[in-house]
Amino acid sequence: MYDGEWFENKIKGCGTYSWLDGRMYQGEWIDNNMDGMGVYTWADGRCYMGEYMDDKKHGYGIYKWADGRLYLGQWVRGKQNGLGIYKT
């Protein structure tokens, strides 16, 4: 389910998308893709807060695993890449 802004029949602007399996993304969208700042949460407790581009983590972000581990740093096309800190 999506609740938020639309432009020319596409998700664009700020909004929240919730999936049936418990995942949720709250943030910015462009042309139906997560793009800009946002928060993505999973039902098992994982969370990503940071930048997206074309539906992928891209830029600076913080990824927290359900067991408390953290990665704070750079992402490129969905992968940890560049400067970052990993905490166990």
N, C-alpha and C. Protein backbone atom coordinates (compact mmCIF):
# COMPACT_ATOMS: atom_id res chain seq x y z
N MET A 1 0.85 -1.17 0.00
CA MET A 1 0.00 0.00 0.00
C MET A 1 0.90 1.24 0.00
N TYR A 2 0.51 2.23 -0.79
CA TYR A 2 1.27 3.47 -0.85
C TYR A 2 0.39 4.62 -0.40
N ASP A 3 0.96 5.49 0.42
CA ASP A 3 0.28 6.70 0.87
C ASP A 3 1.24 7.86 0.67
N GLY A 4 0.93 8.73 -0.27
CA GLY A 4 1.82 9.86 -0.49
C GLY A 4 1.54 10.58 -1.79
N GLU A 5 2.55 11.27 -2.28
CA GLU A 5 2.41 12.14 -3.43
C GLU A 5 2.57 11.38 -4.75
N TRP A 6 1.86 11.88 -5.77
CA TRP A 6 1.90 11.33 -7.12
C TRP A 6 2.13 12.48 -8.10
N PHE A 7 2.69 12.15 -9.26
CA PHE A 7 2.80 13.12 -10.35
C PHE A 7 2.69 12.34 -11.66
N GLU A 8 1.74 12.70 -12.48
CA GLU A 8 1.50 12.06 -13.78
C GLU A 8 1.46 10.53 -13.66
N ASN A 9 0.67 10.07 -12.71
CA ASN A 9 0.38 8.65 -12.50
C ASN A 9 1.59 7.84 -12.00
N LYS A 10 2.59 8.53 -11.44
CA LYS A 10 3.76 7.86 -10.87
C LYS A 10 3.99 8.37 -9.46
N ILE A 11 4.56 7.50 -8.62
CA ILE A 11 4.93 7.90 -7.26
C ILE A 11 6.08 8.89 -7.36
N LYS A 12 5.87 10.10 -6.82
CA LYS A 12 6.90 11.13 -6.86
C LYS A 12 6.68 12.08 -5.70
N GLY A 13 7.76 12.41 -4.99
CA GLY A 13 7.65 13.27 -3.82
C GLY A 13 7.87 12.45 -2.57
N CYS A 14 7.17 12.79 -1.51
CA CYS A 14 7.31 12.07 -0.24
C CYS A 14 6.14 11.12 -0.04
N GLY A 15 6.45 9.95 0.51
CA GLY A 15 5.39 8.99 0.77
C GLY A 15 5.89 7.76 1.49
N THR A 16 4.94 6.92 1.85
CA THR A 16 5.21 5.68 2.58
C THR A 16 4.64 4.51 1.81
N TYR A 17 5.48 3.50 1.59
CA TYR A 17 5.04 2.28 0.93
C TYR A 17 5.20 1.14 1.92
N SER A 18 4.14 0.37 2.11
CA SER A 18 4.16 -0.78 3.02
C SER A 18 3.87 -2.05 2.24
N TRP A 19 4.70 -3.08 2.46
CA TRP A 19 4.52 -4.38 1.83
C TRP A 19 3.80 -5.32 2.79
N LEU A 20 3.16 -6.34 2.27
CA LEU A 20 2.42 -7.30 3.08
C LEU A 20 3.31 -8.09 4.03
N ASP A 21 4.58 -8.25 3.69
CA ASP A 21 5.49 -9.03 4.54
C ASP A 21 6.08 -8.21 5.69
N GLY A 22 5.64 -6.96 5.87
CA GLY A 22 6.07 -6.15 7.00
C GLY A 22 7.14 -5.12 6.69
N ARG A 23 7.67 -5.12 5.48
CA ARG A 23 8.65 -4.10 5.10
C ARG A 23 7.95 -2.77 4.90
N MET A 24 8.71 -1.67 5.13
CA MET A 24 8.14 -0.35 4.92
C MET A 24 9.26 0.63 4.54
N TYR A 25 8.95 1.50 3.59
CA TYR A 25 9.85 2.58 3.20
C TYR A 25 9.11 3.89 3.36
N GLN A 26 9.74 4.82 4.08
CA GLN A 26 9.20 6.18 4.24
C GLN A 26 10.26 7.13 3.73
N GLY A 27 9.90 7.92 2.71
CA GLY A 27 10.89 8.85 2.20
C GLY A 27 10.53 9.41 0.85
N GLU A 28 11.58 9.76 0.11
CA GLU A 28 11.42 10.44 -1.16
C GLU A 28 11.39 9.45 -2.32
N TRP A 29 10.62 9.81 -3.35
CA TRP A 29 10.42 8.97 -4.53
C TRP A 29 10.56 9.81 -5.80
N ILE A 30 11.05 9.16 -6.86
CA ILE A 30 11.03 9.74 -8.20
C ILE A 30 10.67 8.61 -9.17
N ASP A 31 9.64 8.81 -9.98
CA ASP A 31 9.23 7.83 -11.01
C ASP A 31 9.10 6.41 -10.46
N ASN A 32 8.38 6.26 -9.36
CA ASN A 32 8.11 4.97 -8.71
C ASN A 32 9.33 4.33 -8.06
N ASN A 33 10.45 5.02 -7.97
CA ASN A 33 11.67 4.49 -7.35
C ASN A 33 12.01 5.27 -6.09
N MET A 34 12.53 4.56 -5.09
CA MET A 34 13.07 5.23 -3.91
C MET A 34 14.25 6.07 -4.40
N ASP A 35 14.22 7.37 -4.11
CA ASP A 35 15.25 8.27 -4.63
C ASP A 35 15.30 9.51 -3.75
N GLY A 36 16.41 9.68 -3.04
CA GLY A 36 16.53 10.76 -2.07
C GLY A 36 16.71 10.18 -0.68
N MET A 37 16.31 10.91 0.33
CA MET A 37 16.44 10.45 1.71
C MET A 37 15.26 9.57 2.09
N GLY A 38 15.56 8.52 2.87
CA GLY A 38 14.48 7.65 3.31
C GLY A 38 14.89 6.70 4.41
N VAL A 39 13.88 6.05 4.97
CA VAL A 39 14.07 5.03 6.01
C VAL A 39 13.35 3.77 5.55
N TYR A 40 14.09 2.66 5.50
CA TYR A 40 13.54 1.37 5.08
C TYR A 40 13.66 0.44 6.27
N THR A 41 12.55 -0.16 6.67
CA THR A 41 12.56 -1.10 7.79
C THR A 41 12.04 -2.45 7.34
N TRP A 42 12.56 -3.50 7.97
CA TRP A 42 12.14 -4.88 7.71
C TRP A 42 11.42 -5.40 8.95
N ALA A 43 10.57 -6.38 8.78
CA ALA A 43 9.79 -6.95 9.89
C ALA A 43 10.69 -7.59 10.95
N ASP A 44 11.88 -8.05 10.55
CA ASP A 44 12.77 -8.71 11.51
C ASP A 44 13.61 -7.74 12.34
N GLY A 45 13.42 -6.43 12.15
CA GLY A 45 14.12 -5.43 12.96
C GLY A 45 15.26 -4.72 12.26
N ARG A 46 15.64 -5.14 11.07
CA ARG A 46 16.69 -4.42 10.34
C ARG A 46 16.16 -3.06 9.89
N CYS A 47 17.10 -2.12 9.71
CA CYS A 47 16.69 -0.76 9.32
C CYS A 47 17.83 -0.10 8.54
N TYR A 48 17.48 0.65 7.51
CA TYR A 48 18.43 1.48 6.78
C TYR A 48 17.89 2.90 6.76
N MET A 49 18.74 3.85 7.15
CA MET A 49 18.40 5.27 7.11
C MET A 49 19.45 5.96 6.27
N GLY A 50 19.03 6.57 5.17
CA GLY A 50 20.01 7.24 4.35
C GLY A 50 19.52 7.57 2.96
N GLU A 51 20.49 7.68 2.06
CA GLU A 51 20.22 8.12 0.71
C GLU A 51 19.96 6.94 -0.24
N TYR A 52 19.07 7.19 -1.19
CA TYR A 52 18.75 6.23 -2.26
C TYR A 52 18.88 6.91 -3.60
N MET A 53 19.16 6.10 -4.62
CA MET A 53 19.12 6.55 -6.00
C MET A 53 18.68 5.37 -6.85
N ASP A 54 17.65 5.55 -7.65
CA ASP A 54 17.13 4.50 -8.53
C ASP A 54 16.84 3.21 -7.78
N ASP A 55 16.18 3.32 -6.62
CA ASP A 55 15.73 2.17 -5.83
C ASP A 55 16.86 1.42 -5.11
N LYS A 56 18.07 2.02 -5.06
CA LYS A 56 19.20 1.36 -4.40
C LYS A 56 19.82 2.31 -3.39
N LYS A 57 20.39 1.74 -2.32
CA LYS A 57 21.14 2.55 -1.36
C LYS A 57 22.29 3.18 -2.13
N HIS A 58 22.43 4.50 -2.01
CA HIS A 58 23.46 5.20 -2.77
C HIS A 58 23.75 6.53 -2.10
N GLY A 59 24.98 6.70 -1.63
CA GLY A 59 25.34 7.89 -0.87
C GLY A 59 25.64 7.47 0.56
N TYR A 60 25.36 8.34 1.51
CA TYR A 60 25.62 8.02 2.91
C TYR A 60 24.41 7.36 3.53
N GLY A 61 24.67 6.34 4.36
CA GLY A 61 23.56 5.70 5.05
C GLY A 61 24.02 4.88 6.24
N ILE A 62 23.05 4.58 7.09
CA ILE A 62 23.29 3.77 8.29
C ILE A 62 22.41 2.53 8.19
N TYR A 63 23.06 1.36 8.24
CA TYR A 63 22.33 0.09 8.19
C TYR A 63 22.48 -0.57 9.54
N LYS A 64 21.35 -0.93 10.15
CA LYS A 64 21.38 -1.58 11.46
C LYS A 64 20.74 -2.96 11.33
N TRP A 65 21.51 -3.99 11.73
CA TRP A 65 20.99 -5.35 11.74
C TRP A 65 20.15 -5.55 12.99
N ALA A 66 19.31 -6.56 12.99
CA ALA A 66 18.42 -6.85 14.12
C ALA A 66 19.20 -7.18 15.39
N ASP A 67 20.42 -7.71 15.25
CA ASP A 67 21.23 -8.06 16.44
C ASP A 67 22.05 -6.88 16.97
N GLY A 68 21.89 -5.69 16.38
CA GLY A 68 22.56 -4.50 16.88
C GLY A 68 23.80 -4.07 16.13
N ARG A 69 24.32 -4.90 15.23
CA ARG A 69 25.48 -4.49 14.43
C ARG A 69 25.10 -3.28 13.58
N LEU A 70 26.10 -2.45 13.27
CA LEU A 70 25.87 -1.22 12.49
C LEU A 70 26.92 -1.05 11.41
N TYR A 71 26.49 -0.50 10.29
CA TYR A 71 27.41 0.01 9.28
C TYR A 71 27.01 1.46 9.04
N LEU A 72 27.96 2.36 9.21
CA LEU A 72 27.75 3.78 8.95
C LEU A 72 28.73 4.18 7.86
N GLY A 73 28.23 4.57 6.71
CA GLY A 73 29.16 4.95 5.67
C GLY A 73 28.55 5.06 4.29
N GLN A 74 29.42 4.94 3.31
CA GLN A 74 29.06 5.16 1.92
C GLN A 74 28.52 3.89 1.26
N TRP A 75 27.60 4.11 0.32
CA TRP A 75 27.00 3.06 -0.49
C TRP A 75 27.06 3.47 -1.95
N VAL A 76 27.25 2.50 -2.82
CA VAL A 76 27.20 2.73 -4.26
C VAL A 76 26.37 1.63 -4.89
N ARG A 77 25.28 2.00 -5.54
CA ARG A 77 24.38 1.07 -6.22
C ARG A 77 24.00 -0.13 -5.36
N GLY A 78 23.67 0.13 -4.09
CA GLY A 78 23.17 -0.92 -3.20
C GLY A 78 24.21 -1.68 -2.40
N LYS A 79 25.48 -1.36 -2.59
CA LYS A 79 26.54 -2.08 -1.89
C LYS A 79 27.39 -1.14 -1.05
N GLN A 80 27.87 -1.64 0.09
CA GLN A 80 28.78 -0.86 0.92
C GLN A 80 30.04 -0.63 0.10
N ASN A 81 30.43 0.65 -0.03
CA ASN A 81 31.53 0.98 -0.91
C ASN A 81 32.07 2.35 -0.52
N GLY A 82 33.36 2.44 -0.24
CA GLY A 82 33.95 3.71 0.16
C GLY A 82 34.22 3.72 1.65
N LEU A 83 34.26 4.92 2.22
CA LEU A 83 34.53 5.05 3.64
C LEU A 83 33.34 4.58 4.47
N GLY A 84 33.65 3.84 5.53
CA GLY A 84 32.58 3.38 6.40
C GLY A 84 33.12 2.83 7.70
N ILE A 85 32.23 2.69 8.64
CA ILE A 85 32.55 2.13 9.96
C ILE A 85 31.59 0.97 10.20
N TYR A 86 32.14 -0.16 10.63
CA TYR A 86 31.35 -1.34 10.98
C TYR A 86 31.50 -1.58 12.46
N LYS A 87 30.38 -1.63 13.18
CA LYS A 87 30.41 -1.84 14.62
C LYS A 87 29.68 -3.14 14.95
N THR A 88 30.31 -3.96 15.79
CA THR A 88 29.66 -5.21 16.20
C THR A 88 29.07 -5.08 17.58
